[in-house]
């Protein structure tokens, strides 16, 4: 795990590197792609939840009663539709008691700006940490807009999880929301002339759902 002033965390693990390589491969099938993305989602969630509050509870083992720990606050998982659902599956496998909200956004491919079309968030979303999920941090526009929305709903503990990041997106998100830590599996070279991450993995949503 590499950290930069507690704002940027990059998964630094051979298993994560292996999974990302297989995800990038153009020959990876859609079912396999979904499976691999979910696995990375679980690893990202593990890192992103290292410091969430717990409380002491009593538990009875087959031998005796002892003390254990459970999550103190509700965790909300918010994927940005549709591509965020792939990572969210792995996050929910790690934290099955989490609740899920959804934010629908797409990128205007000409202006490279986010367009919001859907929002469904839990009523108590501001009561605990929120894991905002989008596989690609490219320009950073969609992530920044989604964080704006979450903050307008009272959220104060937001953590952004993504599969691949571009330096441009990291810079944008760091400048616009310096209080929101970023957790990513890889940082790539740059954006190309049409706003795609290079080398990237292509269109994550299309590869997740076979709409190539």
Protein backbone atom coordinates (compact mmCIF):
# COMPACT_ATOMS: atom_id res chain seq x y z
CA UNK A 1 0.00 0.00 0.00
CA UNK A 2 1.41 3.39 -1.04
CA UNK A 3 0.00 6.49 0.63
CA UNK A 4 0.43 10.19 -0.16
CA UNK A 5 -0.39 12.41 2.81
CA UNK A 6 -3.37 10.17 3.62
CA UNK A 7 -5.19 11.45 0.53
CA UNK A 8 -4.11 8.95 -2.13
CA UNK A 9 -3.76 5.22 -1.50
CA UNK A 10 -2.55 2.92 -4.28
CA UNK A 11 -2.89 -0.82 -3.81
CA UNK A 12 0.67 -2.11 -3.69
CA UNK A 13 0.25 -5.87 -3.66
CA UNK A 14 1.17 -8.62 -6.12
CA UNK A 15 -2.36 -10.05 -6.10
CA UNK A 16 -3.84 -6.64 -6.96
CA UNK A 17 -1.27 -6.16 -9.73
CA UNK A 18 -2.12 -9.58 -11.16
CA UNK A 19 -5.86 -8.87 -11.12
CA UNK A 20 -5.44 -5.47 -12.78
CA UNK A 21 -3.29 -7.00 -15.53
CA UNK A 22 -5.95 -9.59 -16.32
CA UNK A 23 -8.63 -6.87 -16.26
CA UNK A 24 -6.69 -4.78 -18.79
CA UNK A 25 -6.31 -7.70 -21.21
CA UNK A 26 -8.51 -7.20 -24.27
CA UNK A 27 -8.97 -10.98 -24.47
CA UNK A 28 -10.57 -11.25 -21.01
CA UNK A 29 -14.19 -12.35 -21.43
CA UNK A 30 -17.11 -10.39 -20.00
CA UNK A 31 -17.92 -12.92 -17.23
CA UNK A 32 -14.26 -13.12 -16.23
CA UNK A 33 -13.93 -9.32 -16.36
CA UNK A 34 -16.85 -8.94 -13.93
CA UNK A 35 -15.36 -11.50 -11.57
CA UNK A 36 -11.94 -9.82 -11.55
CA UNK A 37 -13.36 -6.33 -11.06
CA UNK A 38 -15.38 -7.53 -8.06
CA UNK A 39 -12.24 -9.01 -6.52
CA UNK A 40 -10.41 -5.70 -6.83
CA UNK A 41 -13.46 -3.99 -5.32
CA UNK A 42 -13.06 -6.17 -2.24
CA UNK A 43 -9.36 -5.26 -1.93
CA UNK A 44 -10.11 -1.55 -2.29
CA UNK A 45 -12.84 -1.73 0.34
CA UNK A 46 -10.45 -3.49 2.72
CA UNK A 47 -8.02 -0.57 2.49
CA UNK A 48 -10.71 2.12 2.53
CA UNK A 49 -12.28 0.83 5.75
CA UNK A 50 -9.14 0.40 7.85
CA UNK A 51 -10.07 3.24 10.20
CA UNK A 52 -13.86 3.08 10.40
CA UNK A 53 -15.16 3.01 14.00
CA UNK A 54 -15.93 -0.25 15.79
CA UNK A 55 -17.55 -1.03 19.11
CA UNK A 56 -16.91 -3.80 21.62
CA UNK A 57 -19.49 -6.58 21.85
CA UNK A 58 -19.87 -9.80 23.79
CA UNK A 59 -19.78 -13.02 21.80
CA UNK A 60 -20.09 -16.62 22.92
CA UNK A 61 -17.73 -19.09 21.28
CA UNK A 62 -18.10 -22.88 21.60
CA UNK A 63 -15.64 -22.56 24.51
CA UNK A 64 -16.61 -19.43 26.46
CA UNK A 65 -17.87 -15.87 26.31
CA UNK A 66 -15.38 -13.27 25.07
CA UNK A 67 -15.19 -9.78 23.62
CA UNK A 68 -15.18 -8.96 19.93
CA UNK A 69 -15.80 -6.02 17.66
CA UNK A 70 -18.47 -4.93 15.21
CA UNK A 71 -18.86 -1.89 12.98
CA UNK A 72 -20.19 1.02 15.00
CA UNK A 73 -21.65 3.13 12.19
CA UNK A 74 -23.62 2.22 9.08
CA UNK A 75 -21.53 2.03 5.92
CA UNK A 76 -23.12 3.21 2.68
CA UNK A 77 -21.86 2.08 -0.71
CA UNK A 78 -22.67 4.43 -3.59
CA UNK A 79 -21.67 3.27 -7.08
CA UNK A 80 -21.85 5.74 -9.94
CA UNK A 81 -24.04 4.00 -12.52
CA UNK A 82 -23.59 1.92 -14.42
CA UNK A 83 -19.91 1.00 -14.36
CA UNK A 84 -19.54 1.44 -10.59
CA UNK A 85 -21.73 -1.60 -9.96
CA UNK A 86 -18.89 -3.97 -10.84
CA UNK A 87 -16.60 -2.81 -8.04
CA UNK A 88 -19.58 -2.39 -5.70
CA UNK A 89 -20.30 -6.12 -5.92
CA UNK A 90 -16.94 -6.89 -4.34
CA UNK A 91 -17.38 -4.17 -1.71
CA UNK A 92 -20.72 -5.64 -0.68
CA UNK A 93 -19.17 -9.11 -0.43
CA UNK A 94 -16.71 -7.73 2.11
CA UNK A 95 -19.32 -5.64 3.98
CA UNK A 96 -22.67 -7.39 3.41
CA UNK A 97 -24.36 -5.33 6.13
CA UNK A 98 -23.68 -2.11 4.21
CA UNK A 99 -26.56 -0.29 2.55
CA UNK A 100 -26.41 0.90 -1.03
CA UNK A 101 -27.40 4.10 -2.77
CA UNK A 102 -27.07 4.91 -6.46
CA UNK A 103 -26.01 7.97 -8.43
CA UNK A 104 -26.50 8.01 -12.19
CA UNK A 105 -24.05 10.06 -14.23
CA UNK A 106 -22.59 9.88 -17.68
CA UNK A 107 -19.90 11.88 -19.40
CA UNK A 108 -20.74 14.16 -22.30
CA UNK A 109 -18.17 12.83 -24.74
CA UNK A 110 -17.84 16.16 -26.56
CA UNK A 111 -17.58 18.49 -23.58
CA UNK A 112 -16.06 15.83 -21.27
CA UNK A 113 -18.36 17.07 -18.50
CA UNK A 114 -20.63 15.02 -16.20
CA UNK A 115 -24.38 14.82 -16.77
CA UNK A 116 -26.54 13.65 -13.83
CA UNK A 117 -29.68 11.62 -14.57
CA UNK A 118 -30.52 9.60 -11.43
CA UNK A 119 -30.19 9.71 -7.64
CA UNK A 120 -31.44 7.30 -4.97
CA UNK A 121 -29.71 7.59 -1.60
CA UNK A 122 -30.52 6.11 1.83
CA UNK A 123 -32.21 8.48 4.26
CA UNK A 124 -29.51 8.04 6.92
CA UNK A 125 -26.58 8.31 4.52
CA UNK A 126 -24.91 11.07 6.55
CA UNK A 127 -24.71 8.93 9.71
CA UNK A 128 -21.61 6.98 8.70
CA UNK A 129 -18.85 6.60 6.10
CA UNK A 130 -19.76 6.60 2.42
CA UNK A 131 -17.77 4.61 -0.13
CA UNK A 132 -18.26 6.30 -3.51
CA UNK A 133 -17.33 3.99 -6.36
CA UNK A 134 -16.44 4.52 -10.02
CA UNK A 135 -13.97 2.27 -11.84
CA UNK A 136 -12.26 5.02 -13.84
CA UNK A 137 -10.98 8.32 -12.47
CA UNK A 138 -10.33 10.04 -15.79
CA UNK A 139 -11.04 13.79 -15.88
CA UNK A 140 -12.40 13.67 -12.33
CA UNK A 141 -15.55 15.52 -13.33
CA UNK A 142 -18.07 12.80 -12.51
CA UNK A 143 -16.42 11.96 -9.19
CA UNK A 144 -16.29 15.62 -8.15
CA UNK A 145 -19.94 16.14 -9.10
CA UNK A 146 -21.01 13.02 -7.19
CA UNK A 147 -19.10 14.20 -4.12
CA UNK A 148 -20.79 17.60 -4.40
CA UNK A 149 -24.12 15.77 -4.34
CA UNK A 150 -23.19 13.65 -1.31
CA UNK A 151 -21.98 16.68 0.61
CA UNK A 152 -25.24 18.47 -0.16
CA UNK A 153 -26.98 15.53 1.58
CA UNK A 154 -24.89 16.08 4.71
CA UNK A 155 -22.16 13.48 4.16
CA UNK A 156 -18.88 14.35 5.87
CA UNK A 157 -16.96 11.05 5.62
CA UNK A 158 -16.63 10.21 1.93
CA UNK A 159 -14.02 7.85 0.49
CA UNK A 160 -13.58 7.45 -3.28
CA UNK A 161 -12.72 4.00 -4.65
CA UNK A 162 -11.63 3.40 -8.25
CA UNK A 163 -9.88 0.78 -10.32
CA UNK A 164 -7.71 2.94 -12.61
CA UNK A 165 -6.74 6.60 -12.18
CA UNK A 166 -5.27 9.21 -14.50
CA UNK A 167 -3.01 11.92 -13.05
CA UNK A 168 -5.45 14.54 -14.37
CA UNK A 169 -8.34 13.03 -12.43
CA UNK A 170 -6.34 12.75 -9.23
CA UNK A 171 -5.33 16.40 -9.52
CA UNK A 172 -8.91 17.51 -10.19
CA UNK A 173 -10.34 15.57 -7.25
CA UNK A 174 -7.56 16.60 -4.89
CA UNK A 175 -8.11 20.26 -5.71
CA UNK A 176 -11.91 20.21 -5.59
CA UNK A 177 -12.29 17.88 -2.57
CA UNK A 178 -9.05 17.70 -0.57
CA UNK A 179 -10.93 16.09 2.33
CA UNK A 180 -11.93 13.02 0.30
CA UNK A 181 -9.29 10.25 0.21
CA UNK A 182 -8.78 8.34 -3.03
CA UNK A 183 -8.20 4.57 -3.11
CA UNK A 184 -7.08 3.19 -6.47
CA UNK A 185 -5.60 -0.03 -7.81
CA UNK A 186 -3.39 1.68 -10.41
CA UNK A 187 -2.31 5.08 -11.71
CA UNK A 188 -1.88 5.23 -15.48
CA UNK A 189 0.06 7.57 -17.77
CA UNK A 190 -2.43 10.17 -19.00
CA UNK A 191 -5.68 10.92 -20.81
CA UNK A 192 -5.77 10.75 -24.58
CA UNK A 193 -7.38 13.34 -26.86
CA UNK A 194 -10.88 11.94 -26.28
CA UNK A 195 -10.54 11.71 -22.50
CA UNK A 196 -9.80 7.99 -22.18
CA UNK A 197 -7.17 6.73 -19.74
CA UNK A 198 -3.97 5.43 -21.37
CA UNK A 199 -3.17 2.52 -21.29
CA UNK A 200 -6.40 1.99 -19.33
CA UNK A 201 -8.74 -0.91 -19.93
CA UNK A 202 -11.24 0.50 -22.43
CA UNK A 203 -14.82 1.34 -21.49
CA UNK A 204 -15.41 -0.32 -18.12
CA UNK A 205 -19.20 -0.32 -18.44
CA UNK A 206 -19.16 -1.89 -21.89
CA UNK A 207 -16.72 -4.57 -20.78
CA UNK A 208 -18.73 -5.32 -17.63
CA UNK A 209 -22.01 -5.78 -19.47
CA UNK A 210 -20.96 -6.97 -22.91
CA UNK A 211 -22.18 -3.89 -24.78
CA UNK A 212 -19.04 -3.50 -26.87
